[in-house]
Amino acid sequence: MLFLIGINTGIKICDLLSLKFSDVLDCSAIKDKITVKNKVYRINRSVSEAITEYISLIPSENLGNRYLFEKNVGSEPIGRSHAYRIINNAAREVGITQKIGTHTLRNEIHRSREEKY
């Protein structure tokens, strides 16, 4: 889910990790709460469907106040280093051998937008 949202929206990793379920419940857009710019990241159909499925797998008690990417213990979001390990493990599992980092998610979305124009 971390990789899917990151690669499809270009949201910075610090913003991704601060997302709560309440931020994605409508599955159409994610509003940037960190910066003053009030930027909105549109969510495509594949991400929307994945979010809906992900939400269905999580116990619904107090769901809106929980972080989307929460630590196993406690109610805090995972950190950047944990996100880095998740992204690298996912990349290795699908056969990507190049160095992958948390900022790679943003680079890929910006690169694909540039190629369109």
PDB file of N, CA and C in Angstrom:
ATOM      1  N   MET A   1       0.828  -1.180   0.000  1.00  0.00           N
ATOM      2  CA  MET A   1       0.000   0.000   0.000  1.00  0.00           C
ATOM      3  C   MET A   1       0.878   1.251   0.000  1.00  0.00           C
ATOM      4  N   LEU A   2       1.931   1.225   0.775  1.00  0.00           N
ATOM      5  CA  LEU A   2       2.871   2.356   0.845  1.00  0.00           C
ATOM      6  C   LEU A   2       3.443   2.653  -0.543  1.00  0.00           C
ATOM      7  N   PHE A   3       3.923   1.623  -1.204  1.00  0.00           N
ATOM      8  CA  PHE A   3       4.491   1.779  -2.537  1.00  0.00           C
ATOM      9  C   PHE A   3       3.426   2.237  -3.528  1.00  0.00           C
ATOM     10  N   LEU A   4       2.269   1.610  -3.493  1.00  0.00           N
ATOM     11  CA  LEU A   4       1.198   1.908  -4.440  1.00  0.00           C
ATOM     12  C   LEU A   4       0.741   3.362  -4.351  1.00  0.00           C
ATOM     13  N   ILE A   5       0.491   3.853  -3.147  1.00  0.00           N
ATOM     14  CA  ILE A   5       0.061   5.246  -2.992  1.00  0.00           C
ATOM     15  C   ILE A   5       1.198   6.184  -3.388  1.00  0.00           C
ATOM     16  N   GLY A   6       2.414   5.870  -2.944  1.00  0.00           N
ATOM     17  CA  GLY A   6       3.555   6.734  -3.253  1.00  0.00           C
ATOM     18  C   GLY A   6       3.837   6.862  -4.731  1.00  0.00           C
ATOM     19  N   ILE A   7       3.839   5.755  -5.431  1.00  0.00           N
ATOM     20  CA  ILE A   7       4.192   5.768  -6.854  1.00  0.00           C
ATOM     21  C   ILE A   7       3.090   6.401  -7.709  1.00  0.00           C
ATOM     22  N   ASN A   8       1.844   6.332  -7.248  1.00  0.00           N
ATOM     23  CA  ASN A   8       0.734   6.875  -8.021  1.00  0.00           C
ATOM     24  C   ASN A   8       0.384   8.322  -7.702  1.00  0.00           C
ATOM     25  N   THR A   9       0.871   8.838  -6.582  1.00  0.00           N
ATOM     26  CA  THR A   9       0.521  10.210  -6.215  1.00  0.00           C
ATOM     27  C   THR A   9       1.711  11.152  -6.167  1.00  0.00           C
ATOM     28  N   GLY A  10       2.886  10.631  -5.811  1.00  0.00           N
ATOM     29  CA  GLY A  10       4.057  11.491  -5.664  1.00  0.00           C
ATOM     30  C   GLY A  10       4.104  12.210  -4.336  1.00  0.00           C
ATOM     31  N   ILE A  11       3.323  11.756  -3.373  1.00  0.00           N
ATOM     32  CA  ILE A  11       3.323  12.371  -2.046  1.00  0.00           C
ATOM     33  C   ILE A  11       4.671  12.114  -1.376  1.00  0.00           C
ATOM     34  N   LYS A  12       5.215  13.134  -0.718  1.00  0.00           N
ATOM     35  CA  LYS A  12       6.479  12.979  -0.006  1.00  0.00           C
ATOM     36  C   LYS A  12       6.332  11.917   1.082  1.00  0.00           C
ATOM     37  N   ILE A  13       7.407  11.210   1.370  1.00  0.00           N
ATOM     38  CA  ILE A  13       7.361  10.104   2.322  1.00  0.00           C
ATOM     39  C   ILE A  13       6.910  10.564   3.699  1.00  0.00           C
ATOM     40  N   CYS A  14       7.346  11.744   4.133  1.00  0.00           N
ATOM     41  CA  CYS A  14       6.921  12.227   5.457  1.00  0.00           C
ATOM     42  C   CYS A  14       5.410  12.454   5.482  1.00  0.00           C
ATOM     43  N   ASP A  15       4.842  12.902   4.371  1.00  0.00           N
ATOM     44  CA  ASP A  15       3.393  13.091   4.290  1.00  0.00           C
ATOM     45  C   ASP A  15       2.668  11.750   4.204  1.00  0.00           C
ATOM     46  N   LEU A  16       3.244  10.807   3.468  1.00  0.00           N
ATOM     47  CA  LEU A  16       2.657   9.465   3.373  1.00  0.00           C
ATOM     48  C   LEU A  16       2.567   8.811   4.745  1.00  0.00           C
ATOM     49  N   LEU A  17       3.643   8.921   5.505  1.00  0.00           N
ATOM     50  CA  LEU A  17       3.688   8.268   6.810  1.00  0.00           C
ATOM     51  C   LEU A  17       2.769   8.930   7.823  1.00  0.00           C
ATOM     52  N   SER A  18       2.393  10.180   7.583  1.00  0.00           N
ATOM     53  CA  SER A  18       1.505  10.872   8.519  1.00  0.00           C
ATOM     54  C   SER A  18       0.027  10.697   8.166  1.00  0.00           C
ATOM     55  N   LEU A  19      -0.273   9.975   7.074  1.00  0.00           N
ATOM     56  CA  LEU A  19      -1.663   9.763   6.679  1.00  0.00           C
ATOM     57  C   LEU A  19      -2.408   8.914   7.698  1.00  0.00           C
ATOM     58  N   LYS A  20      -3.629   9.323   7.961  1.00  0.00           N
ATOM     59  CA  LYS A  20      -4.520   8.529   8.804  1.00  0.00           C
ATOM     60  C   LYS A  20      -5.619   7.957   7.912  1.00  0.00           C
ATOM     61  N   PHE A  21      -6.307   6.955   8.407  1.00  0.00           N
ATOM     62  CA  PHE A  21      -7.391   6.356   7.633  1.00  0.00           C
ATOM     63  C   PHE A  21      -8.431   7.405   7.260  1.00  0.00           C
ATOM     64  N   SER A  22      -8.678   8.350   8.147  1.00  0.00           N
ATOM     65  CA  SER A  22      -9.663   9.398   7.860  1.00  0.00           C
ATOM     66  C   SER A  22      -9.265  10.238   6.642  1.00  0.00           C
ATOM     67  N   ASP A  23      -7.973  10.280   6.330  1.00  0.00           N
ATOM     68  CA  ASP A  23      -7.489  11.045   5.174  1.00  0.00           C
ATOM     69  C   ASP A  23      -7.795  10.364   3.849  1.00  0.00           C
ATOM     70  N   VAL A  24      -8.057   9.061   3.875  1.00  0.00           N
ATOM     71  CA  VAL A  24      -8.250   8.320   2.622  1.00  0.00           C
ATOM     72  C   VAL A  24      -9.593   7.599   2.545  1.00  0.00           C
ATOM     73  N   LEU A  25     -10.471   7.822   3.509  1.00  0.00           N
ATOM     74  CA  LEU A  25     -11.730   7.082   3.543  1.00  0.00           C
ATOM     75  C   LEU A  25     -12.616   7.326   2.327  1.00  0.00           C
ATOM     76  N   ASP A  26     -12.586   8.524   1.750  1.00  0.00           N
ATOM     77  CA  ASP A  26     -13.449   8.759   0.585  1.00  0.00           C
ATOM     78  C   ASP A  26     -12.838   8.222  -0.710  1.00  0.00           C
ATOM     79  N   CYS A  27     -11.566   7.849  -0.682  1.00  0.00           N
ATOM     80  CA  CYS A  27     -10.877   7.174  -1.795  1.00  0.00           C
ATOM     81  C   CYS A  27     -10.862   7.947  -3.111  1.00  0.00           C
ATOM     82  N   SER A  28     -10.981   9.266  -3.067  1.00  0.00           N
ATOM     83  CA  SER A  28     -10.923  10.017  -4.324  1.00  0.00           C
ATOM     84  C   SER A  28      -9.737  10.976  -4.372  1.00  0.00           C
ATOM     85  N   ALA A  29      -9.304  11.461  -3.214  1.00  0.00           N
ATOM     86  CA  ALA A  29      -8.181  12.393  -3.173  1.00  0.00           C
ATOM     87  C   ALA A  29      -7.599  12.423  -1.765  1.00  0.00           C
ATOM     88  N   ILE A  30      -6.341  12.856  -1.697  1.00  0.00           N
ATOM     89  CA  ILE A  30      -5.670  13.038  -0.411  1.00  0.00           C
ATOM     90  C   ILE A  30      -5.245  14.490  -0.338  1.00  0.00           C
ATOM     91  N   LYS A  31      -5.644  15.173   0.721  1.00  0.00           N
ATOM     92  CA  LYS A  31      -5.275  16.567   0.893  1.00  0.00           C
ATOM     93  C   LYS A  31      -3.976  16.642   1.678  1.00  0.00           C
ATOM     94  N   ASP A  32      -3.069  17.508   1.231  1.00  0.00           N
ATOM     95  CA  ASP A  32      -1.797  17.731   1.899  1.00  0.00           C
ATOM     96  C   ASP A  32      -2.046  18.589   3.134  1.00  0.00           C
ATOM     97  N   LYS A  33      -1.834  18.006   4.306  1.00  0.00           N
ATOM     98  CA  LYS A  33      -2.084  18.723   5.554  1.00  0.00           C
ATOM     99  C   LYS A  33      -0.836  19.417   6.078  1.00  0.00           C
ATOM    100  N   ILE A  34       0.325  19.074   5.560  1.00  0.00           N
ATOM    101  CA  ILE A  34       1.586  19.554   6.094  1.00  0.00           C
ATOM    102  C   ILE A  34       1.906  20.966   5.609  1.00  0.00           C
ATOM    103  N   THR A  35       1.807  21.187   4.313  1.00  0.00           N
ATOM    104  CA  THR A  35       2.209  22.483   3.769  1.00  0.00           C
ATOM    105  C   THR A  35       1.024  23.440   3.725  1.00  0.00           C
ATOM    106  N   VAL A  36       1.298  24.686   3.530  1.00  0.00           N
ATOM    107  CA  VAL A  36       0.265  25.716   3.474  1.00  0.00           C
ATOM    108  C   VAL A  36      -0.422  25.731   2.111  1.00  0.00           C
ATOM    109  N   LYS A  37       0.156  25.056   1.146  1.00  0.00           N
ATOM    110  CA  LYS A  37      -0.334  25.117  -0.234  1.00  0.00           C
ATOM    111  C   LYS A  37      -1.694  24.449  -0.433  1.00  0.00           C
ATOM    112  N   ASN A  38      -2.136  23.629   0.529  1.00  0.00           N
ATOM    113  CA  ASN A  38      -3.402  22.901   0.410  1.00  0.00           C
ATOM    114  C   ASN A  38      -3.487  22.099  -0.885  1.00  0.00           C
ATOM    115  N   LYS A  39      -2.420  21.445  -1.222  1.00  0.00           N
ATOM    116  CA  LYS A  39      -2.369  20.632  -2.437  1.00  0.00           C
ATOM    117  C   LYS A  39      -3.237  19.383  -2.267  1.00  0.00           C
ATOM    118  N   VAL A  40      -3.870  18.988  -3.353  1.00  0.00           N
ATOM    119  CA  VAL A  40      -4.707  17.794  -3.349  1.00  0.00           C
ATOM    120  C   VAL A  40      -4.106  16.793  -4.327  1.00  0.00           C
ATOM    121  N   TYR A  41      -3.926  15.562  -3.868  1.00  0.00           N
ATOM    122  CA  TYR A  41      -3.396  14.489  -4.708  1.00  0.00           C
ATOM    123  C   TYR A  41      -4.564  13.605  -5.121  1.00  0.00           C
ATOM    124  N   ARG A  42      -4.838  13.541  -6.395  1.00  0.00           N
ATOM    125  CA  ARG A  42      -5.922  12.702  -6.912  1.00  0.00           C
ATOM    126  C   ARG A  42      -5.536  11.231  -6.804  1.00  0.00           C
ATOM    127  N   ILE A  43      -6.520  10.410  -6.542  1.00  0.00           N
ATOM    128  CA  ILE A  43      -6.309   8.974  -6.408  1.00  0.00           C
ATOM    129  C   ILE A  43      -6.966   8.291  -7.604  1.00  0.00           C
ATOM    130  N   ASN A  44      -6.181   7.478  -8.326  1.00  0.00           N
ATOM    131  CA  ASN A  44      -6.744   6.771  -9.479  1.00  0.00           C
ATOM    132  C   ASN A  44      -7.523   5.529  -9.029  1.00  0.00           C
ATOM    133  N   ARG A  45      -8.159   4.872  -9.968  1.00  0.00           N
ATOM    134  CA  ARG A  45      -9.026   3.739  -9.648  1.00  0.00           C
ATOM    135  C   ARG A  45      -8.282   2.589  -8.962  1.00  0.00           C
ATOM    136  N   SER A  46      -7.088   2.251  -9.435  1.00  0.00           N
ATOM    137  CA  SER A  46      -6.367   1.119  -8.833  1.00  0.00           C
ATOM    138  C   SER A  46      -5.995   1.413  -7.379  1.00  0.00           C
ATOM    139  N   VAL A  47      -5.617   2.645  -7.086  1.00  0.00           N
ATOM    140  CA  VAL A  47      -5.285   3.014  -5.708  1.00  0.00           C
ATOM    141  C   VAL A  47      -6.556   3.023  -4.864  1.00  0.00           C
ATOM    142  N   SER A  48      -7.629   3.561  -5.406  1.00  0.00           N
ATOM    143  CA  SER A  48      -8.905   3.609  -4.691  1.00  0.00           C
ATOM    144  C   SER A  48      -9.382   2.205  -4.323  1.00  0.00           C
ATOM    145  N   GLU A  49      -9.290   1.289  -5.273  1.00  0.00           N
ATOM    146  CA  GLU A  49      -9.702  -0.094  -5.019  1.00  0.00           C
ATOM    147  C   GLU A  49      -8.801  -0.751  -3.975  1.00  0.00           C
ATOM    148  N   ALA A  50      -7.504  -0.488  -4.045  1.00  0.00           N
ATOM    149  CA  ALA A  50      -6.570  -1.053  -3.079  1.00  0.00           C
ATOM    150  C   ALA A  50      -6.839  -0.500  -1.675  1.00  0.00           C
ATOM    151  N   ILE A  51      -7.122   0.796  -1.583  1.00  0.00           N
ATOM    152  CA  ILE A  51      -7.430   1.405  -0.276  1.00  0.00           C
ATOM    153  C   ILE A  51      -8.696   0.788   0.304  1.00  0.00           C
ATOM    154  N   THR A  52      -9.726   0.628  -0.532  1.00  0.00           N
ATOM    155  CA  THR A  52     -10.980   0.028  -0.071  1.00  0.00           C
ATOM    156  C   THR A  52     -10.737  -1.380   0.452  1.00  0.00           C
ATOM    157  N   GLU A  53      -9.948  -2.155  -0.274  1.00  0.00           N
ATOM    158  CA  GLU A  53      -9.636  -3.523   0.166  1.00  0.00           C
ATOM    159  C   GLU A  53      -8.817  -3.511   1.453  1.00  0.00           C
ATOM    160  N   TYR A  54      -7.835  -2.627   1.533  1.00  0.00           N
ATOM    161  CA  TYR A  54      -6.984  -2.500   2.722  1.00  0.00           C
ATOM    162  C   TYR A  54      -7.830  -2.148   3.940  1.00  0.00           C
ATOM    163  N   ILE A  55      -8.751  -1.191   3.787  1.00  0.00           N
ATOM    164  CA  ILE A  55      -9.616  -0.775   4.893  1.00  0.00           C
ATOM    165  C   ILE A  55     -10.494  -1.934   5.354  1.00  0.00           C
ATOM    166  N   SER A  56     -10.937  -2.769   4.423  1.00  0.00           N
ATOM    167  CA  SER A  56     -11.794  -3.902   4.790  1.00  0.00           C
ATOM    168  C   SER A  56     -11.044  -4.944   5.620  1.00  0.00           C
ATOM    169  N   LEU A  57      -9.718  -4.952   5.543  1.00  0.00           N
ATOM    170  CA  LEU A  57      -8.922  -5.924   6.287  1.00  0.00           C
ATOM    171  C   LEU A  57      -8.574  -5.464   7.707  1.00  0.00           C
ATOM    172  N   ILE A  58      -8.817  -4.184   7.993  1.00  0.00           N
ATOM    173  CA  ILE A  58      -8.440  -3.600   9.280  1.00  0.00           C
ATOM    174  C   ILE A  58      -9.662  -3.562  10.187  1.00  0.00           C
ATOM    175  N   PRO A  59      -9.514  -3.973  11.465  1.00  0.00           N
ATOM    176  CA  PRO A  59     -10.643  -3.851  12.398  1.00  0.00           C
ATOM    177  C   PRO A  59     -11.131  -2.398  12.443  1.00  0.00           C
ATOM    178  N   SER A  60     -12.443  -2.204  12.376  1.00  0.00           N
ATOM    179  CA  SER A  60     -13.000  -0.868  12.195  1.00  0.00           C
ATOM    180  C   SER A  60     -13.066  -0.010  13.455  1.00  0.00           C
ATOM    181  N   GLU A  61     -12.714  -0.535  14.602  1.00  0.00           N
ATOM    182  CA  GLU A  61     -12.795   0.260  15.828  1.00  0.00           C
ATOM    183  C   GLU A  61     -11.807   1.427  15.794  1.00  0.00           C
ATOM    184  N   ASN A  62     -12.347   2.629  15.913  1.00  0.00           N
ATOM    185  CA  ASN A  62     -11.544   3.853  15.952  1.00  0.00           C
ATOM    186  C   ASN A  62     -10.632   3.988  14.728  1.00  0.00           C
ATOM    187  N   LEU A  63     -11.089   3.528  13.592  1.00  0.00           N
ATOM    188  CA  LEU A  63     -10.275   3.478  12.385  1.00  0.00           C
ATOM    189  C   LEU A  63      -9.837   4.858  11.909  1.00  0.00           C
ATOM    190  N   GLY A  64     -10.716   5.834  11.942  1.00  0.00           N
ATOM    191  CA  GLY A  64     -10.405   7.163  11.422  1.00  0.00           C
ATOM    192  C   GLY A  64      -9.225   7.840  12.081  1.00  0.00           C
ATOM    193  N   ASN A  65      -8.979   7.540  13.351  1.00  0.00           N
ATOM    194  CA  ASN A  65      -7.887   8.182  14.091  1.00  0.00           C
ATOM    195  C   ASN A  65      -6.571   7.424  14.000  1.00  0.00           C
ATOM    196  N   ARG A  66      -6.583   6.264  13.373  1.00  0.00           N
ATOM    197  CA  ARG A  66      -5.364   5.459  13.278  1.00  0.00           C
ATOM    198  C   ARG A  66      -4.560   5.842  12.044  1.00  0.00           C
ATOM    199  N   TYR A  67      -3.232   5.682  12.164  1.00  0.00           N
ATOM    200  CA  TYR A  67      -2.355   5.940  11.016  1.00  0.00           C
ATOM    201  C   TYR A  67      -2.491   4.815  10.004  1.00  0.00           C
ATOM    202  N   LEU A  68      -2.382   5.177   8.744  1.00  0.00           N
ATOM    203  CA  LEU A  68      -2.481   4.206   7.662  1.00  0.00           C
ATOM    204  C   LEU A  68      -1.328   3.202   7.733  1.00  0.00           C
ATOM    205  N   PHE A  69      -0.147   3.682   8.092  1.00  0.00           N
ATOM    206  CA  PHE A  69       1.040   2.827   8.200  1.00  0.00           C
ATOM    207  C   PHE A  69       1.545   2.898   9.636  1.00  0.00           C
ATOM    208  N   GLU A  70       0.925   2.096  10.487  1.00  0.00           N
ATOM    209  CA  GLU A  70       1.176   2.143  11.921  1.00  0.00           C
ATOM    210  C   GLU A  70       2.195   1.095  12.349  1.00  0.00           C
ATOM    211  N   LYS A  71       2.937   1.433  13.390  1.00  0.00           N
ATOM    212  CA  LYS A  71       3.854   0.464  13.986  1.00  0.00           C
ATOM    213  C   LYS A  71       3.053  -0.709  14.535  1.00  0.00           C
ATOM    214  N   ASN A  72       3.711  -1.875  14.650  1.00  0.00           N
ATOM    215  CA  ASN A  72       3.044  -3.051  15.209  1.00  0.00           C
ATOM    216  C   ASN A  72       2.656  -2.845  16.659  1.00  0.00           C
ATOM    217  N   VAL A  73       3.484  -2.103  17.378  1.00  0.00           N
ATOM    218  CA  VAL A  73       3.235  -1.843  18.785  1.00  0.00           C
ATOM    219  C   VAL A  73       3.018  -0.345  18.962  1.00  0.00           C
ATOM    220  N   GLY A  74       1.949   0.022  19.635  1.00  0.00           N
ATOM    221  CA  GLY A  74       1.664   1.436  19.842  1.00  0.00           C
ATOM    222  C   GLY A  74       0.781   1.981  18.739  1.00  0.00           C
ATOM    223  N   SER A  75       0.594   3.279  18.777  1.00  0.00           N
ATOM    224  CA  SER A  75      -0.303   3.891  17.790  1.00  0.00           C
ATOM    225  C   SER A  75       0.386   4.999  17.016  1.00  0.00           C
ATOM    226  N   GLU A  76       1.671   4.864  16.821  1.00  0.00           N
ATOM    227  CA  GLU A  76       2.460   5.841  16.075  1.00  0.00           C
ATOM    228  C   GLU A  76       2.696   5.334  14.647  1.00  0.00           C
ATOM    229  N   PRO A  77       2.931   6.253  13.711  1.00  0.00           N
ATOM    230  CA  PRO A  77       3.241   5.804  12.341  1.00  0.00           C
ATOM    231  C   PRO A  77       4.646   5.197  12.277  1.00  0.00           C
ATOM    232  N   ILE A  78       4.874   4.381  11.274  1.00  0.00           N
ATOM    233  CA  ILE A  78       6.218   3.843  11.079  1.00  0.00           C
ATOM    234  C   ILE A  78       7.150   4.999  10.712  1.00  0.00           C
ATOM    235  N   GLY A  79       8.448   4.790  10.895  1.00  0.00           N
ATOM    236  CA  GLY A  79       9.432   5.815  10.565  1.00  0.00           C
ATOM    237  C   GLY A  79       9.957   5.673   9.154  1.00  0.00           C
ATOM    238  N   ARG A  80      10.777   6.640   8.760  1.00  0.00           N
ATOM    239  CA  ARG A  80      11.355   6.636   7.408  1.00  0.00           C
ATOM    240  C   ARG A  80      12.216   5.401   7.151  1.00  0.00           C
ATOM    241  N   SER A  81      12.984   4.974   8.154  1.00  0.00           N
ATOM    242  CA  SER A  81      13.857   3.813   7.940  1.00  0.00           C
ATOM    243  C   SER A  81      13.034   2.541   7.765  1.00  0.00           C
ATOM    244  N   HIS A  82      11.940   2.428   8.484  1.00  0.00           N
ATOM    245  CA  HIS A  82      11.057   1.273   8.321  1.00  0.00           C
ATOM    246  C   HIS A  82      10.421   1.307   6.928  1.00  0.00           C
ATOM    247  N   ALA A  83       9.997   2.492   6.499  1.00  0.00           N
ATOM    248  CA  ALA A  83       9.423   2.650   5.152  1.00  0.00           C
ATOM    249  C   ALA A  83      10.455   2.267   4.094  1.00  0.00           C
ATOM    250  N   TYR A  84      11.703   2.683   4.293  1.00  0.00           N
ATOM    251  CA  TYR A  84      12.784   2.344   3.363  1.00  0.00           C
ATOM    252  C   TYR A  84      12.917   0.823   3.232  1.00  0.00           C
ATOM    253  N   ARG A  85      12.912   0.123   4.365  1.00  0.00           N
ATOM    254  CA  ARG A  85      13.031  -1.344   4.340  1.00  0.00           C
ATOM    255  C   ARG A  85      11.840  -1.982   3.620  1.00  0.00           C
ATOM    256  N   ILE A  86      10.644  -1.474   3.857  1.00  0.00           N
ATOM    257  CA  ILE A  86       9.445  -2.010   3.197  1.00  0.00           C
ATOM    258  C   ILE A  86       9.559  -1.849   1.688  1.00  0.00           C
ATOM    259  N   ILE A  87       9.931  -0.651   1.257  1.00  0.00           N
ATOM    260  CA  ILE A  87      10.035  -0.369  -0.179  1.00  0.00           C
ATOM    261  C   ILE A  87      11.117  -1.211  -0.821  1.00  0.00           C
ATOM    262  N   ASN A  88      12.269  -1.354  -0.165  1.00  0.00           N
ATOM    263  CA  ASN A  88      13.347  -2.172  -0.711  1.00  0.00           C
ATOM    264  C   ASN A  88      12.965  -3.642  -0.788  1.00  0.00           C
ATOM    265  N   ASN A  89      12.309  -4.151   0.250  1.00  0.00           N
ATOM    266  CA  ASN A  89      11.876  -5.555   0.227  1.00  0.00           C
ATOM    267  C   ASN A  89      10.861  -5.787  -0.886  1.00  0.00           C
ATOM    268  N   ALA A  90       9.929  -4.866  -1.065  1.00  0.00           N
ATOM    269  CA  ALA A  90       8.936  -4.997  -2.133  1.00  0.00           C
ATOM    270  C   ALA A  90       9.615  -4.974  -3.501  1.00  0.00           C
ATOM    271  N   ALA A  91      10.581  -4.087  -3.672  1.00  0.00           N
ATOM    272  CA  ALA A  91      11.304  -3.993  -4.950  1.00  0.00           C
ATOM    273  C   ALA A  91      12.044  -5.298  -5.244  1.00  0.00           C
ATOM    274  N   ARG A  92      12.711  -5.845  -4.247  1.00  0.00           N
ATOM    275  CA  ARG A  92      13.452  -7.098  -4.440  1.00  0.00           C
ATOM    276  C   ARG A  92      12.512  -8.248  -4.794  1.00  0.00           C
ATOM    277  N   GLU A  93      11.326  -8.266  -4.152  1.00  0.00           N
ATOM    278  CA  GLU A  93      10.363  -9.340  -4.409  1.00  0.00           C
ATOM    279  C   GLU A  93       9.850  -9.335  -5.844  1.00  0.00           C
ATOM    280  N   VAL A  94       9.807  -8.166  -6.471  1.00  0.00           N
ATOM    281  CA  VAL A  94       9.339  -8.102  -7.859  1.00  0.00           C
ATOM    282  C   VAL A  94      10.491  -8.063  -8.855  1.00  0.00           C
ATOM    283  N   GLY A  95      11.714  -8.259  -8.368  1.00  0.00           N
ATOM    284  CA  GLY A  95      12.855  -8.385  -9.260  1.00  0.00           C
ATOM    285  C   GLY A  95      13.601  -7.104  -9.581  1.00  0.00           C
ATOM    286  N   ILE A  96      13.317  -6.025  -8.892  1.00  0.00           N
ATOM    287  CA  ILE A  96      14.046  -4.773  -9.117  1.00  0.00           C
ATOM    288  C   ILE A  96      15.357  -4.843  -8.348  1.00  0.00           C
ATOM    289  N   THR A  97      16.456  -4.694  -9.059  1.00  0.00           N
ATOM    290  CA  THR A  97      17.758  -4.817  -8.413  1.00  0.00           C
ATOM    291  C   THR A  97      18.446  -3.469  -8.187  1.00  0.00           C
ATOM    292  N   GLN A  98      17.931  -2.407  -8.826  1.00  0.00           N
ATOM    293  CA  GLN A  98      18.525  -1.083  -8.641  1.00  0.00           C
ATOM    294  C   GLN A  98      18.264  -0.588  -7.214  1.00  0.00           C
ATOM    295  N   LYS A  99      19.077   0.385  -6.819  1.00  0.00           N
ATOM    296  CA  LYS A  99      18.904   0.984  -5.501  1.00  0.00           C
ATOM    297  C   LYS A  99      17.585   1.753  -5.473  1.00  0.00           C
ATOM    298  N   ILE A 100      16.758   1.445  -4.493  1.00  0.00           N
ATOM    299  CA  ILE A 100      15.452   2.068  -4.341  1.00  0.00           C
ATOM    300  C   ILE A 100      15.420   2.751  -2.979  1.00  0.00           C
ATOM    301  N   GLY A 101      14.938   3.982  -2.956  1.00  0.00           N
ATOM    302  CA  GLY A 101      14.800   4.705  -1.696  1.00  0.00           C
ATOM    303  C   GLY A 101      13.401   5.262  -1.555  1.00  0.00           C
ATOM    304  N   THR A 102      13.147   5.898  -0.442  1.00  0.00           N
ATOM    305  CA  THR A 102      11.813   6.439  -0.211  1.00  0.00           C
ATOM    306  C   THR A 102      11.501   7.583  -1.172  1.00  0.00           C
ATOM    307  N   HIS A 103      12.504   8.315  -1.612  1.00  0.00           N
ATOM    308  CA  HIS A 103      12.274   9.419  -2.534  1.00  0.00           C
ATOM    309  C   HIS A 103      12.064   8.915  -3.967  1.00  0.00           C
ATOM    310  N   THR A 104      12.411   7.675  -4.236  1.00  0.00           N
ATOM    311  CA  THR A 104      12.219   7.087  -5.558  1.00  0.00           C
ATOM    312  C   THR A 104      10.751   7.145  -5.959  1.00  0.00           C
ATOM    313  N   LEU A 105       9.850   7.009  -4.988  1.00  0.00           N
ATOM    314  CA  LEU A 105       8.424   7.048  -5.283  1.00  0.00           C
ATOM    315  C   LEU A 105       8.049   8.373  -5.930  1.00  0.00           C
ATOM    316  N   ARG A 106       8.541   9.476  -5.391  1.00  0.00           N
ATOM    317  CA  ARG A 106       8.259  10.804  -5.942  1.00  0.00           C
ATOM    318  C   ARG A 106       8.946  10.991  -7.287  1.00  0.00           C
ATOM    319  N   ASN A 107      10.181  10.515  -7.397  1.00  0.00           N
ATOM    320  CA  ASN A 107      10.916  10.660  -8.655  1.00  0.00           C
ATOM    321  C   ASN A 107      10.182   9.993  -9.800  1.00  0.00           C
ATOM    322  N   GLU A 108       9.627   8.817  -9.553  1.00  0.00           N
ATOM    323  CA  GLU A 108       8.963   8.068 -10.614  1.00  0.00           C
ATOM    324  C   GLU A 108       7.691   8.769 -11.076  1.00  0.00           C
ATOM    325  N   ILE A 109       6.915   9.317 -10.169  1.00  0.00           N
ATOM    326  CA  ILE A 109       5.686   9.993 -10.581  1.00  0.00           C
ATOM    327  C   ILE A 109       6.018  11.260 -11.360  1.00  0.00           C
ATOM    328  N   HIS A 110       7.043  11.997 -10.941  1.00  0.00           N
ATOM    329  CA  HIS A 110       7.424  13.208 -11.669  1.00  0.00           C
ATOM    330  C   HIS A 110       7.993  12.860 -13.041  1.00  0.00           C
ATOM    331  N   ARG A 111       8.766  11.789 -13.131  1.00  0.00           N
ATOM    332  CA  ARG A 111       9.337  11.355 -14.405  1.00  0.00           C
ATOM    333  C   ARG A 111       8.229  10.946 -15.379  1.00  0.00           C
ATOM    334  N   SER A 112       7.223  10.215 -14.885  1.00  0.00           N
ATOM    335  CA  SER A 112       6.157   9.773 -15.797  1.00  0.00           C
ATOM    336  C   SER A 112       5.302  10.944 -16.252  1.00  0.00           C
ATOM    337  N   ARG A 113       5.118  11.951 -15.416  1.00  0.00           N
ATOM    338  CA  ARG A 113       4.369  13.144 -15.826  1.00  0.00           C
ATOM    339  C   ARG A 113       5.137  13.934 -16.871  1.00  0.00           C
ATOM    340  N   GLU A 114       6.451  14.018 -16.724  1.00  0.00           N
ATOM    341  CA  GLU A 114       7.287  14.744 -17.705  1.00  0.00           C
ATOM    342  C   GLU A 114       7.252  14.049 -19.049  1.00  0.00           C
ATOM    343  N   GLU A 115       7.224  12.720 -19.060  1.00  0.00           N
ATOM    344  CA  GLU A 115       7.217  11.979 -20.312  1.00  0.00           C
ATOM    345  C   GLU A 115       5.914  12.173 -21.071  1.00  0.00           C
ATOM    346  N   LYS A 116       4.820  12.488 -20.389  1.00  0.00           N
ATOM    347  CA  LYS A 116       3.534  12.710 -21.041  1.00  0.00           C
ATOM    348  C   LYS A 116       3.549  13.989 -21.853  1.00  0.00           C
ATOM    349  N   TYR A 117       4.339  14.981 -21.414  1.00  0.00           N
ATOM    350  CA  TYR A 117       4.291  16.305 -22.039  1.00  0.00           C
ATOM    351  C   TYR A 117       5.467  16.573 -22.895  1.00  0.00           C
TER     352      TYR A 117
END
